mmCIF file of all heavy atoms, coordinates in Angstrom:
data_MODEL
# 
_entry.id   MODEL 
# 
loop_
_atom_site.group_PDB 
_atom_site.id 
_atom_site.type_symbol 
_atom_site.label_atom_id 
_atom_site.label_alt_id 
_atom_site.label_comp_id 
_atom_site.label_asym_id 
_atom_site.label_entity_id 
_atom_site.label_seq_id 
_atom_site.pdbx_PDB_ins_code 
_atom_site.Cartn_x 
_atom_site.Cartn_y 
_atom_site.Cartn_z 
_atom_site.occupancy 
_atom_site.B_iso_or_equiv 
_atom_site.pdbx_formal_charge 
_atom_site.auth_seq_id 
_atom_site.auth_comp_id 
_atom_site.auth_asym_id 
_atom_site.auth_atom_id 
_atom_site.pdbx_PDB_model_num 
ATOM 1   N N   . PRO A 1 1  ? -126.540 103.438 -19.711 1.00 0.00 ? 1  PRO A N   1 
ATOM 2   C CA  . PRO A 1 1  ? -126.605 103.242 -18.257 1.00 0.00 ? 1  PRO A CA  1 
ATOM 3   C C   . PRO A 1 1  ? -127.021 101.817 -17.897 1.00 0.00 ? 1  PRO A C   1 
ATOM 4   O O   . PRO A 1 1  ? -127.796 101.196 -18.616 1.00 0.00 ? 1  PRO A O   1 
ATOM 5   C CB  . PRO A 1 1  ? -127.689 104.242 -17.816 1.00 0.00 ? 1  PRO A CB  1 
ATOM 6   C CG  . PRO A 1 1  ? -127.762 105.250 -18.909 1.00 0.00 ? 1  PRO A CG  1 
ATOM 7   C CD  . PRO A 1 1  ? -127.430 104.521 -20.172 1.00 0.00 ? 1  PRO A CD  1 
ATOM 8   N N   . HIS A 1 2  ? -126.456 101.299 -16.798 1.00 0.00 ? 2  HIS A N   1 
ATOM 9   C CA  . HIS A 1 2  ? -126.767 99.958  -16.291 1.00 0.00 ? 2  HIS A CA  1 
ATOM 10  C C   . HIS A 1 2  ? -126.244 98.857  -17.215 1.00 0.00 ? 2  HIS A C   1 
ATOM 11  O O   . HIS A 1 2  ? -126.792 97.760  -17.257 1.00 0.00 ? 2  HIS A O   1 
ATOM 12  C CB  . HIS A 1 2  ? -128.276 99.777  -16.075 1.00 0.00 ? 2  HIS A CB  1 
ATOM 13  C CG  . HIS A 1 2  ? -128.886 100.825 -15.212 1.00 0.00 ? 2  HIS A CG  1 
ATOM 14  N ND1 . HIS A 1 2  ? -128.829 100.807 -13.830 1.00 0.00 ? 2  HIS A ND1 1 
ATOM 15  C CD2 . HIS A 1 2  ? -129.562 101.968 -15.527 1.00 0.00 ? 2  HIS A CD2 1 
ATOM 16  C CE1 . HIS A 1 2  ? -129.444 101.859 -13.348 1.00 0.00 ? 2  HIS A CE1 1 
ATOM 17  N NE2 . HIS A 1 2  ? -129.898 102.577 -14.348 1.00 0.00 ? 2  HIS A NE2 1 
ATOM 18  N N   . ASP A 1 3  ? -125.173 99.141  -17.942 1.00 0.00 ? 3  ASP A N   1 
ATOM 19  C CA  . ASP A 1 3  ? -124.565 98.135  -18.817 1.00 0.00 ? 3  ASP A CA  1 
ATOM 20  C C   . ASP A 1 3  ? -123.815 97.104  -17.975 1.00 0.00 ? 3  ASP A C   1 
ATOM 21  O O   . ASP A 1 3  ? -123.610 97.277  -16.772 1.00 0.00 ? 3  ASP A O   1 
ATOM 22  C CB  . ASP A 1 3  ? -123.602 98.816  -19.806 1.00 0.00 ? 3  ASP A CB  1 
ATOM 23  C CG  . ASP A 1 3  ? -123.598 98.149  -21.165 1.00 0.00 ? 3  ASP A CG  1 
ATOM 24  O OD1 . ASP A 1 3  ? -123.850 96.929  -21.220 1.00 0.00 ? 3  ASP A OD1 1 
ATOM 25  O OD2 . ASP A 1 3  ? -123.351 98.841  -22.165 1.00 0.00 ? 3  ASP A OD2 1 
ATOM 26  N N   . ASN A 1 4  ? -123.403 96.022  -18.612 1.00 0.00 ? 4  ASN A N   1 
ATOM 27  C CA  . ASN A 1 4  ? -122.648 94.961  -17.954 1.00 0.00 ? 4  ASN A CA  1 
ATOM 28  C C   . ASN A 1 4  ? -121.177 95.117  -18.321 1.00 0.00 ? 4  ASN A C   1 
ATOM 29  O O   . ASN A 1 4  ? -120.815 94.986  -19.493 1.00 0.00 ? 4  ASN A O   1 
ATOM 30  C CB  . ASN A 1 4  ? -123.180 93.597  -18.404 1.00 0.00 ? 4  ASN A CB  1 
ATOM 31  C CG  . ASN A 1 4  ? -122.479 92.442  -17.711 1.00 0.00 ? 4  ASN A CG  1 
ATOM 32  O OD1 . ASN A 1 4  ? -121.503 92.629  -16.986 1.00 0.00 ? 4  ASN A OD1 1 
ATOM 33  N ND2 . ASN A 1 4  ? -122.962 91.233  -17.936 1.00 0.00 ? 4  ASN A ND2 1 
ATOM 34  N N   . PHE A 1 5  ? -120.335 95.380  -17.325 1.00 0.00 ? 5  PHE A N   1 
ATOM 35  C CA  . PHE A 1 5  ? -118.920 95.654  -17.586 1.00 0.00 ? 5  PHE A CA  1 
ATOM 36  C C   . PHE A 1 5  ? -118.025 94.450  -17.281 1.00 0.00 ? 5  PHE A C   1 
ATOM 37  O O   . PHE A 1 5  ? -116.803 94.576  -17.302 1.00 0.00 ? 5  PHE A O   1 
ATOM 38  C CB  . PHE A 1 5  ? -118.470 96.874  -16.769 1.00 0.00 ? 5  PHE A CB  1 
ATOM 39  C CG  . PHE A 1 5  ? -119.122 98.157  -17.219 1.00 0.00 ? 5  PHE A CG  1 
ATOM 40  C CD1 . PHE A 1 5  ? -120.337 98.556  -16.686 1.00 0.00 ? 5  PHE A CD1 1 
ATOM 41  C CD2 . PHE A 1 5  ? -118.541 98.953  -18.191 1.00 0.00 ? 5  PHE A CD2 1 
ATOM 42  C CE1 . PHE A 1 5  ? -120.954 99.724  -17.103 1.00 0.00 ? 5  PHE A CE1 1 
ATOM 43  C CE2 . PHE A 1 5  ? -119.145 100.125 -18.618 1.00 0.00 ? 5  PHE A CE2 1 
ATOM 44  C CZ  . PHE A 1 5  ? -120.355 100.510 -18.072 1.00 0.00 ? 5  PHE A CZ  1 
ATOM 45  N N   . ASN A 1 6  ? -118.629 93.287  -17.008 1.00 0.00 ? 6  ASN A N   1 
ATOM 46  C CA  . ASN A 1 6  ? -117.857 92.075  -16.764 1.00 0.00 ? 6  ASN A CA  1 
ATOM 47  C C   . ASN A 1 6  ? -117.196 91.628  -18.068 1.00 0.00 ? 6  ASN A C   1 
ATOM 48  O O   . ASN A 1 6  ? -117.875 91.395  -19.068 1.00 0.00 ? 6  ASN A O   1 
ATOM 49  C CB  . ASN A 1 6  ? -118.794 90.984  -16.227 1.00 0.00 ? 6  ASN A CB  1 
ATOM 50  C CG  . ASN A 1 6  ? -118.065 89.717  -15.845 1.00 0.00 ? 6  ASN A CG  1 
ATOM 51  O OD1 . ASN A 1 6  ? -117.254 89.206  -16.612 1.00 0.00 ? 6  ASN A OD1 1 
ATOM 52  N ND2 . ASN A 1 6  ? -118.359 89.195  -14.665 1.00 0.00 ? 6  ASN A ND2 1 
ATOM 53  N N   . LEU A 1 7  ? -115.877 91.481  -18.057 1.00 0.00 ? 7  LEU A N   1 
ATOM 54  C CA  . LEU A 1 7  ? -115.165 91.154  -19.301 1.00 0.00 ? 7  LEU A CA  1 
ATOM 55  C C   . LEU A 1 7  ? -115.584 89.815  -19.892 1.00 0.00 ? 7  LEU A C   1 
ATOM 56  O O   . LEU A 1 7  ? -115.481 89.613  -21.102 1.00 0.00 ? 7  LEU A O   1 
ATOM 57  C CB  . LEU A 1 7  ? -113.652 91.163  -19.058 1.00 0.00 ? 7  LEU A CB  1 
ATOM 58  C CG  . LEU A 1 7  ? -112.987 92.534  -18.946 1.00 0.00 ? 7  LEU A CG  1 
ATOM 59  C CD1 . LEU A 1 7  ? -111.491 92.373  -18.714 1.00 0.00 ? 7  LEU A CD1 1 
ATOM 60  C CD2 . LEU A 1 7  ? -113.243 93.379  -20.189 1.00 0.00 ? 7  LEU A CD2 1 
ATOM 61  N N   . GLU A 1 8  ? -116.049 88.899  -19.064 1.00 0.00 ? 8  GLU A N   1 
ATOM 62  C CA  . GLU A 1 8  ? -116.468 87.594  -19.557 1.00 0.00 ? 8  GLU A CA  1 
ATOM 63  C C   . GLU A 1 8  ? -117.824 87.663  -20.257 1.00 0.00 ? 8  GLU A C   1 
ATOM 64  O O   . GLU A 1 8  ? -118.155 86.804  -21.063 1.00 0.00 ? 8  GLU A O   1 
ATOM 65  C CB  . GLU A 1 8  ? -116.543 86.597  -18.399 1.00 0.00 ? 8  GLU A CB  1 
ATOM 66  C CG  . GLU A 1 8  ? -115.195 86.215  -17.802 1.00 0.00 ? 8  GLU A CG  1 
ATOM 67  C CD  . GLU A 1 8  ? -114.367 85.364  -18.748 1.00 0.00 ? 8  GLU A CD  1 
ATOM 68  O OE1 . GLU A 1 8  ? -114.940 84.448  -19.359 1.00 0.00 ? 8  GLU A OE1 1 
ATOM 69  O OE2 . GLU A 1 8  ? -113.158 85.623  -18.888 1.00 0.00 ? 8  GLU A OE2 1 
ATOM 70  N N   . GLU A 1 9  ? -118.647 88.662  -19.936 1.00 0.00 ? 9  GLU A N   1 
ATOM 71  C CA  . GLU A 1 9  ? -120.026 88.700  -20.414 1.00 0.00 ? 9  GLU A CA  1 
ATOM 72  C C   . GLU A 1 9  ? -120.381 89.970  -21.168 1.00 0.00 ? 9  GLU A C   1 
ATOM 73  O O   . GLU A 1 9  ? -121.442 90.043  -21.786 1.00 0.00 ? 9  GLU A O   1 
ATOM 74  C CB  . GLU A 1 9  ? -120.986 88.563  -19.213 1.00 0.00 ? 9  GLU A CB  1 
ATOM 75  C CG  . GLU A 1 9  ? -120.789 87.281  -18.420 1.00 0.00 ? 9  GLU A CG  1 
ATOM 76  C CD  . GLU A 1 9  ? -121.610 87.258  -17.152 1.00 0.00 ? 9  GLU A CD  1 
ATOM 77  O OE1 . GLU A 1 9  ? -122.202 88.313  -16.814 1.00 0.00 ? 9  GLU A OE1 1 
ATOM 78  O OE2 . GLU A 1 9  ? -121.673 86.209  -16.504 1.00 0.00 ? 9  GLU A OE2 1 
ATOM 79  N N   . SER A 1 10 ? -119.524 90.979  -21.126 1.00 0.00 ? 10 SER A N   1 
ATOM 80  C CA  . SER A 1 10 ? -119.882 92.288  -21.681 1.00 0.00 ? 10 SER A CA  1 
ATOM 81  C C   . SER A 1 10 ? -119.805 92.305  -23.194 1.00 0.00 ? 10 SER A C   1 
ATOM 82  O O   . SER A 1 10 ? -119.148 91.474  -23.822 1.00 0.00 ? 10 SER A O   1 
ATOM 83  C CB  . SER A 1 10 ? -118.961 93.369  -21.118 1.00 0.00 ? 10 SER A CB  1 
ATOM 84  O OG  . SER A 1 10 ? -117.621 93.135  -21.522 1.00 0.00 ? 10 SER A OG  1 
ATOM 85  N N   . HIS A 1 11 ? -120.470 93.299  -23.772 1.00 0.00 ? 11 HIS A N   1 
ATOM 86  C CA  . HIS A 1 11 ? -120.372 93.547  -25.200 1.00 0.00 ? 11 HIS A CA  1 
ATOM 87  C C   . HIS A 1 11 ? -119.283 94.584  -25.469 1.00 0.00 ? 11 HIS A C   1 
ATOM 88  O O   . HIS A 1 11 ? -118.514 94.937  -24.568 1.00 0.00 ? 11 HIS A O   1 
ATOM 89  C CB  . HIS A 1 11 ? -121.739 93.977  -25.743 1.00 0.00 ? 11 HIS A CB  1 
ATOM 90  C CG  . HIS A 1 11 ? -122.755 92.877  -25.701 1.00 0.00 ? 11 HIS A CG  1 
ATOM 91  N ND1 . HIS A 1 11 ? -123.881 92.919  -24.905 1.00 0.00 ? 11 HIS A ND1 1 
ATOM 92  C CD2 . HIS A 1 11 ? -122.792 91.673  -26.326 1.00 0.00 ? 11 HIS A CD2 1 
ATOM 93  C CE1 . HIS A 1 11 ? -124.578 91.804  -25.050 1.00 0.00 ? 11 HIS A CE1 1 
ATOM 94  N NE2 . HIS A 1 11 ? -123.946 91.029  -25.906 1.00 0.00 ? 11 HIS A NE2 1 
ATOM 95  N N   . VAL A 1 12 ? -119.205 95.091  -26.694 1.00 0.00 ? 12 VAL A N   1 
ATOM 96  C CA  . VAL A 1 12 ? -118.014 95.810  -27.138 1.00 0.00 ? 12 VAL A CA  1 
ATOM 97  C C   . VAL A 1 12 ? -117.697 97.041  -26.290 1.00 0.00 ? 12 VAL A C   1 
ATOM 98  O O   . VAL A 1 12 ? -116.608 97.149  -25.723 1.00 0.00 ? 12 VAL A O   1 
ATOM 99  C CB  . VAL A 1 12 ? -118.175 96.233  -28.622 1.00 0.00 ? 12 VAL A CB  1 
ATOM 100 C CG1 . VAL A 1 12 ? -116.953 97.016  -29.085 1.00 0.00 ? 12 VAL A CG1 1 
ATOM 101 C CG2 . VAL A 1 12 ? -118.367 95.003  -29.496 1.00 0.00 ? 12 VAL A CG2 1 
ATOM 102 N N   . ILE A 1 13 ? -118.621 97.993  -26.208 1.00 0.00 ? 13 ILE A N   1 
ATOM 103 C CA  . ILE A 1 13 ? -118.298 99.261  -25.552 1.00 0.00 ? 13 ILE A CA  1 
ATOM 104 C C   . ILE A 1 13 ? -118.028 99.090  -24.055 1.00 0.00 ? 13 ILE A C   1 
ATOM 105 O O   . ILE A 1 13 ? -117.010 99.584  -23.560 1.00 0.00 ? 13 ILE A O   1 
ATOM 106 C CB  . ILE A 1 13 ? -119.380 100.322 -25.836 1.00 0.00 ? 13 ILE A CB  1 
ATOM 107 C CG1 . ILE A 1 13 ? -119.251 100.780 -27.295 1.00 0.00 ? 13 ILE A CG1 1 
ATOM 108 C CG2 . ILE A 1 13 ? -119.267 101.501 -24.878 1.00 0.00 ? 13 ILE A CG2 1 
ATOM 109 C CD1 . ILE A 1 13 ? -120.175 101.899 -27.694 1.00 0.00 ? 13 ILE A CD1 1 
ATOM 110 N N   . PRO A 1 14 ? -118.888 98.409  -23.282 1.00 0.00 ? 14 PRO A N   1 
ATOM 111 C CA  . PRO A 1 14 ? -118.542 98.236  -21.862 1.00 0.00 ? 14 PRO A CA  1 
ATOM 112 C C   . PRO A 1 14 ? -117.260 97.449  -21.657 1.00 0.00 ? 14 PRO A C   1 
ATOM 113 O O   . PRO A 1 14 ? -116.514 97.702  -20.711 1.00 0.00 ? 14 PRO A O   1 
ATOM 114 C CB  . PRO A 1 14 ? -119.761 97.502  -21.284 1.00 0.00 ? 14 PRO A CB  1 
ATOM 115 C CG  . PRO A 1 14 ? -120.448 96.899  -22.453 1.00 0.00 ? 14 PRO A CG  1 
ATOM 116 C CD  . PRO A 1 14 ? -120.208 97.835  -23.591 1.00 0.00 ? 14 PRO A CD  1 
ATOM 117 N N   . GLY A 1 15 ? -116.969 96.491  -22.553 1.00 0.00 ? 15 GLY A N   1 
ATOM 118 C CA  . GLY A 1 15 ? -115.711 95.755  -22.462 1.00 0.00 ? 15 GLY A CA  1 
ATOM 119 C C   . GLY A 1 15 ? -114.511 96.664  -22.668 1.00 0.00 ? 15 GLY A C   1 
ATOM 120 O O   . GLY A 1 15 ? -113.508 96.583  -21.945 1.00 0.00 ? 15 GLY A O   1 
ATOM 121 N N   . LEU A 1 16 ? -114.604 97.561  -23.655 1.00 0.00 ? 16 LEU A N   1 
ATOM 122 C CA  . LEU A 1 16 ? -113.517 98.508  -23.909 1.00 0.00 ? 16 LEU A CA  1 
ATOM 123 C C   . LEU A 1 16 ? -113.367 99.485  -22.749 1.00 0.00 ? 16 LEU A C   1 
ATOM 124 O O   . LEU A 1 16 ? -112.249 99.842  -22.358 1.00 0.00 ? 16 LEU A O   1 
ATOM 125 C CB  . LEU A 1 16 ? -113.772 99.266  -25.214 1.00 0.00 ? 16 LEU A CB  1 
ATOM 126 C CG  . LEU A 1 16 ? -113.652 98.449  -26.501 1.00 0.00 ? 16 LEU A CG  1 
ATOM 127 C CD1 . LEU A 1 16 ? -114.059 99.292  -27.707 1.00 0.00 ? 16 LEU A CD1 1 
ATOM 128 C CD2 . LEU A 1 16 ? -112.239 97.925  -26.690 1.00 0.00 ? 16 LEU A CD2 1 
ATOM 129 N N   . VAL A 1 17 ? -114.493 99.931  -22.187 1.00 0.00 ? 17 VAL A N   1 
ATOM 130 C CA  . VAL A 1 17 ? -114.444 100.837 -21.028 1.00 0.00 ? 17 VAL A CA  1 
ATOM 131 C C   . VAL A 1 17 ? -113.741 100.157 -19.859 1.00 0.00 ? 17 VAL A C   1 
ATOM 132 O O   . VAL A 1 17 ? -112.883 100.757 -19.193 1.00 0.00 ? 17 VAL A O   1 
ATOM 133 C CB  . VAL A 1 17 ? -115.873 101.279 -20.627 1.00 0.00 ? 17 VAL A CB  1 
ATOM 134 C CG1 . VAL A 1 17 ? -115.845 102.016 -19.297 1.00 0.00 ? 17 VAL A CG1 1 
ATOM 135 C CG2 . VAL A 1 17 ? -116.474 102.178 -21.703 1.00 0.00 ? 17 VAL A CG2 1 
ATOM 136 N N   . HIS A 1 18 ? -114.082 98.887  -19.606 1.00 0.00 ? 18 HIS A N   1 
ATOM 137 C CA  . HIS A 1 18 ? -113.444 98.129  -18.526 1.00 0.00 ? 18 HIS A CA  1 
ATOM 138 C C   . HIS A 1 18 ? -111.934 98.032  -18.767 1.00 0.00 ? 18 HIS A C   1 
ATOM 139 O O   . HIS A 1 18 ? -111.126 98.272  -17.851 1.00 0.00 ? 18 HIS A O   1 
ATOM 140 C CB  . HIS A 1 18 ? -114.070 96.736  -18.448 1.00 0.00 ? 18 HIS A CB  1 
ATOM 141 C CG  . HIS A 1 18 ? -113.571 95.912  -17.288 1.00 0.00 ? 18 HIS A CG  1 
ATOM 142 N ND1 . HIS A 1 18 ? -114.413 95.189  -16.486 1.00 0.00 ? 18 HIS A ND1 1 
ATOM 143 C CD2 . HIS A 1 18 ? -112.324 95.684  -16.795 1.00 0.00 ? 18 HIS A CD2 1 
ATOM 144 C CE1 . HIS A 1 18 ? -113.721 94.563  -15.553 1.00 0.00 ? 18 HIS A CE1 1 
ATOM 145 N NE2 . HIS A 1 18 ? -112.439 94.849  -15.736 1.00 0.00 ? 18 HIS A NE2 1 
ATOM 146 N N   . LYS A 1 19 ? -111.552 97.697  -19.995 1.00 0.00 ? 19 LYS A N   1 
ATOM 147 C CA  . LYS A 1 19 ? -110.122 97.559  -20.310 1.00 0.00 ? 19 LYS A CA  1 
ATOM 148 C C   . LYS A 1 19 ? -109.390 98.893  -20.171 1.00 0.00 ? 19 LYS A C   1 
ATOM 149 O O   . LYS A 1 19 ? -108.259 98.948  -19.661 1.00 0.00 ? 19 LYS A O   1 
ATOM 150 C CB  . LYS A 1 19 ? -109.953 97.015  -21.733 1.00 0.00 ? 19 LYS A CB  1 
ATOM 151 C CG  . LYS A 1 19 ? -110.326 95.543  -21.883 1.00 0.00 ? 19 LYS A CG  1 
ATOM 152 C CD  . LYS A 1 19 ? -110.089 95.074  -23.310 1.00 0.00 ? 19 LYS A CD  1 
ATOM 153 C CE  . LYS A 1 19 ? -110.408 93.602  -23.464 1.00 0.00 ? 19 LYS A CE  1 
ATOM 154 N NZ  . LYS A 1 19 ? -110.138 93.123  -24.839 1.00 0.00 ? 19 LYS A NZ  1 
ATOM 155 N N   . LEU A 1 20 ? -110.031 99.974  -20.613 1.00 0.00 ? 20 LEU A N   1 
ATOM 156 C CA  . LEU A 1 20 ? -109.416 101.296 -20.487 1.00 0.00 ? 20 LEU A CA  1 
ATOM 157 C C   . LEU A 1 20 ? -109.219 101.678 -19.021 1.00 0.00 ? 20 LEU A C   1 
ATOM 158 O O   . LEU A 1 20 ? -108.182 102.235 -18.645 1.00 0.00 ? 20 LEU A O   1 
ATOM 159 C CB  . LEU A 1 20 ? -110.281 102.348 -21.188 1.00 0.00 ? 20 LEU A CB  1 
ATOM 160 C CG  . LEU A 1 20 ? -110.097 102.472 -22.698 1.00 0.00 ? 20 LEU A CG  1 
ATOM 161 C CD1 . LEU A 1 20 ? -111.194 103.353 -23.288 1.00 0.00 ? 20 LEU A CD1 1 
ATOM 162 C CD2 . LEU A 1 20 ? -108.732 103.063 -23.024 1.00 0.00 ? 20 LEU A CD2 1 
ATOM 163 N N   . HIS A 1 21 ? -110.213 101.367 -18.208 1.00 0.00 ? 21 HIS A N   1 
ATOM 164 C CA  . HIS A 1 21 ? -110.105 101.663 -16.782 1.00 0.00 ? 21 HIS A CA  1 
ATOM 165 C C   . HIS A 1 21 ? -108.947 100.887 -16.167 1.00 0.00 ? 21 HIS A C   1 
ATOM 166 O O   . HIS A 1 21 ? -108.157 101.441 -15.390 1.00 0.00 ? 21 HIS A O   1 
ATOM 167 C CB  . HIS A 1 21 ? -111.410 101.305 -16.072 1.00 0.00 ? 21 HIS A CB  1 
ATOM 168 C CG  . HIS A 1 21 ? -111.386 101.579 -14.599 1.00 0.00 ? 21 HIS A CG  1 
ATOM 169 N ND1 . HIS A 1 21 ? -111.066 100.602 -13.674 1.00 0.00 ? 21 HIS A ND1 1 
ATOM 170 C CD2 . HIS A 1 21 ? -111.618 102.722 -13.893 1.00 0.00 ? 21 HIS A CD2 1 
ATOM 171 C CE1 . HIS A 1 21 ? -111.110 101.124 -12.462 1.00 0.00 ? 21 HIS A CE1 1 
ATOM 172 N NE2 . HIS A 1 21 ? -111.450 102.400 -12.565 1.00 0.00 ? 21 HIS A NE2 1 
ATOM 173 N N   . THR A 1 22 ? -108.832 99.606  -16.546 1.00 0.00 ? 22 THR A N   1 
ATOM 174 C CA  . THR A 1 22 ? -107.754 98.774  -16.005 1.00 0.00 ? 22 THR A CA  1 
ATOM 175 C C   . THR A 1 22 ? -106.385 99.285  -16.449 1.00 0.00 ? 22 THR A C   1 
ATOM 176 O O   . THR A 1 22 ? -105.461 99.401  -15.633 1.00 0.00 ? 22 THR A O   1 
ATOM 177 C CB  . THR A 1 22 ? -107.929 97.314  -16.457 1.00 0.00 ? 22 THR A CB  1 
ATOM 178 O OG1 . THR A 1 22 ? -109.193 96.824  -15.980 1.00 0.00 ? 22 THR A OG1 1 
ATOM 179 C CG2 . THR A 1 22 ? -106.811 96.430  -15.920 1.00 0.00 ? 22 THR A CG2 1 
ATOM 180 N N   . CYS A 1 23 ? -106.267 99.639  -17.727 1.00 0.00 ? 23 CYS A N   1 
ATOM 181 C CA  . CYS A 1 23 ? -104.945 100.041 -18.219 1.00 0.00 ? 23 CYS A CA  1 
ATOM 182 C C   . CYS A 1 23 ? -104.518 101.403 -17.662 1.00 0.00 ? 23 CYS A C   1 
ATOM 183 O O   . CYS A 1 23 ? -103.334 101.655 -17.473 1.00 0.00 ? 23 CYS A O   1 
ATOM 184 C CB  . CYS A 1 23 ? -104.901 100.039 -19.747 1.00 0.00 ? 23 CYS A CB  1 
ATOM 185 S SG  . CYS A 1 23 ? -105.656 101.458 -20.553 1.00 0.00 ? 23 CYS A SG  1 
ATOM 186 N N   . THR A 1 24 ? -105.487 102.258 -17.368 1.00 0.00 ? 24 THR A N   1 
ATOM 187 C CA  . THR A 1 24 ? -105.122 103.575 -16.831 1.00 0.00 ? 24 THR A CA  1 
ATOM 188 C C   . THR A 1 24 ? -104.867 103.534 -15.325 1.00 0.00 ? 24 THR A C   1 
ATOM 189 O O   . THR A 1 24 ? -104.051 104.299 -14.809 1.00 0.00 ? 24 THR A O   1 
ATOM 190 C CB  . THR A 1 24 ? -106.229 104.614 -17.118 1.00 0.00 ? 24 THR A CB  1 
ATOM 191 O OG1 . THR A 1 24 ? -107.492 104.113 -16.650 1.00 0.00 ? 24 THR A OG1 1 
ATOM 192 C CG2 . THR A 1 24 ? -106.341 104.891 -18.602 1.00 0.00 ? 24 THR A CG2 1 
ATOM 193 N N   . THR A 1 25 ? -105.544 102.642 -14.607 1.00 0.00 ? 25 THR A N   1 
ATOM 194 C CA  . THR A 1 25 ? -105.357 102.577 -13.156 1.00 0.00 ? 25 THR A CA  1 
ATOM 195 C C   . THR A 1 25 ? -104.233 101.636 -12.758 1.00 0.00 ? 25 THR A C   1 
ATOM 196 O O   . THR A 1 25 ? -103.636 101.794 -11.689 1.00 0.00 ? 25 THR A O   1 
ATOM 197 C CB  . THR A 1 25 ? -106.660 102.112 -12.451 1.00 0.00 ? 25 THR A CB  1 
ATOM 198 O OG1 . THR A 1 25 ? -107.073 100.854 -12.983 1.00 0.00 ? 25 THR A OG1 1 
ATOM 199 C CG2 . THR A 1 25 ? -107.762 103.151 -12.656 1.00 0.00 ? 25 THR A CG2 1 
ATOM 200 N N   . GLN A 1 26 ? -103.922 100.655 -13.617 1.00 0.00 ? 26 GLN A N   1 
ATOM 201 C CA  . GLN A 1 26 ? -102.891 99.675  -13.281 1.00 0.00 ? 26 GLN A CA  1 
ATOM 202 C C   . GLN A 1 26 ? -101.682 99.749  -14.216 1.00 0.00 ? 26 GLN A C   1 
ATOM 203 O O   . GLN A 1 26 ? -100.786 98.902  -14.149 1.00 0.00 ? 26 GLN A O   1 
ATOM 204 C CB  . GLN A 1 26 ? -103.491 98.268  -13.313 1.00 0.00 ? 26 GLN A CB  1 
ATOM 205 C CG  . GLN A 1 26 ? -104.641 98.071  -12.340 1.00 0.00 ? 26 GLN A CG  1 
ATOM 206 C CD  . GLN A 1 26 ? -105.215 96.664  -12.387 1.00 0.00 ? 26 GLN A CD  1 
ATOM 207 O OE1 . GLN A 1 26 ? -104.566 95.730  -12.873 1.00 0.00 ? 26 GLN A OE1 1 
ATOM 208 N NE2 . GLN A 1 26 ? -106.440 96.500  -11.880 1.00 0.00 ? 26 GLN A NE2 1 
ATOM 209 N N   . ASN A 1 27 ? -101.695 100.762 -15.085 1.00 0.00 ? 27 ASN A N   1 
ATOM 210 C CA  . ASN A 1 27 ? -100.583 100.971 -16.018 1.00 0.00 ? 27 ASN A CA  1 
ATOM 211 C C   . ASN A 1 27 ? -100.303 99.723  -16.852 1.00 0.00 ? 27 ASN A C   1 
ATOM 212 O O   . ASN A 1 27 ? -99.166  99.286  -17.011 1.00 0.00 ? 27 ASN A O   1 
ATOM 213 C CB  . ASN A 1 27 ? -99.313  101.401 -15.260 1.00 0.00 ? 27 ASN A CB  1 
ATOM 214 C CG  . ASN A 1 27 ? -98.269  101.977 -16.200 1.00 0.00 ? 27 ASN A CG  1 
ATOM 215 O OD1 . ASN A 1 27 ? -98.602  102.549 -17.241 1.00 0.00 ? 27 ASN A OD1 1 
ATOM 216 N ND2 . ASN A 1 27 ? -96.997  101.824 -15.845 1.00 0.00 ? 27 ASN A ND2 1 
ATOM 217 N N   . LYS A 1 28 ? -101.390 99.159  -17.414 1.00 0.00 ? 28 LYS A N   1 
ATOM 218 C CA  . LYS A 1 28 ? -101.268 97.988  -18.265 1.00 0.00 ? 28 LYS A CA  1 
ATOM 219 C C   . LYS A 1 28 ? -101.543 98.382  -19.719 1.00 0.00 ? 28 LYS A C   1 
ATOM 220 O O   . LYS A 1 28 ? -102.206 99.384  -19.977 1.00 0.00 ? 28 LYS A O   1 
ATOM 221 C CB  . LYS A 1 28 ? -102.249 96.904  -17.818 1.00 0.00 ? 28 LYS A CB  1 
ATOM 222 C CG  . LYS A 1 28 ? -101.920 96.283  -16.478 1.00 0.00 ? 28 LYS A CG  1 
ATOM 223 C CD  . LYS A 1 28 ? -102.894 95.142  -16.153 1.00 0.00 ? 28 LYS A CD  1 
ATOM 224 C CE  . LYS A 1 28 ? -102.510 94.462  -14.847 1.00 0.00 ? 28 LYS A CE  1 
ATOM 225 N NZ  . LYS A 1 28 ? -103.452 93.331  -14.522 1.00 0.00 ? 28 LYS A NZ  1 
ATOM 226 N N   . PRO A 1 29 ? -101.056 97.591  -20.683 1.00 0.00 ? 29 PRO A N   1 
ATOM 227 C CA  . PRO A 1 29 ? -101.324 97.915  -22.091 1.00 0.00 ? 29 PRO A CA  1 
ATOM 228 C C   . PRO A 1 29 ? -102.800 97.753  -22.437 1.00 0.00 ? 29 PRO A C   1 
ATOM 229 O O   . PRO A 1 29 ? -103.494 96.905  -21.864 1.00 0.00 ? 29 PRO A O   1 
ATOM 230 C CB  . PRO A 1 29 ? -100.469 96.911  -22.858 1.00 0.00 ? 29 PRO A CB  1 
ATOM 231 C CG  . PRO A 1 29 ? -100.230 95.785  -21.901 1.00 0.00 ? 29 PRO A CG  1 
ATOM 232 C CD  . PRO A 1 29 ? -100.188 96.406  -20.536 1.00 0.00 ? 29 PRO A CD  1 
# 
């Protein structure tokens, strides 16, 4: 909880969560 999901500053898991959210909502790879 309270992790940093900014792709420029995040670590592995929040970065992957951010990317997954983007690819599922915007239909990106």
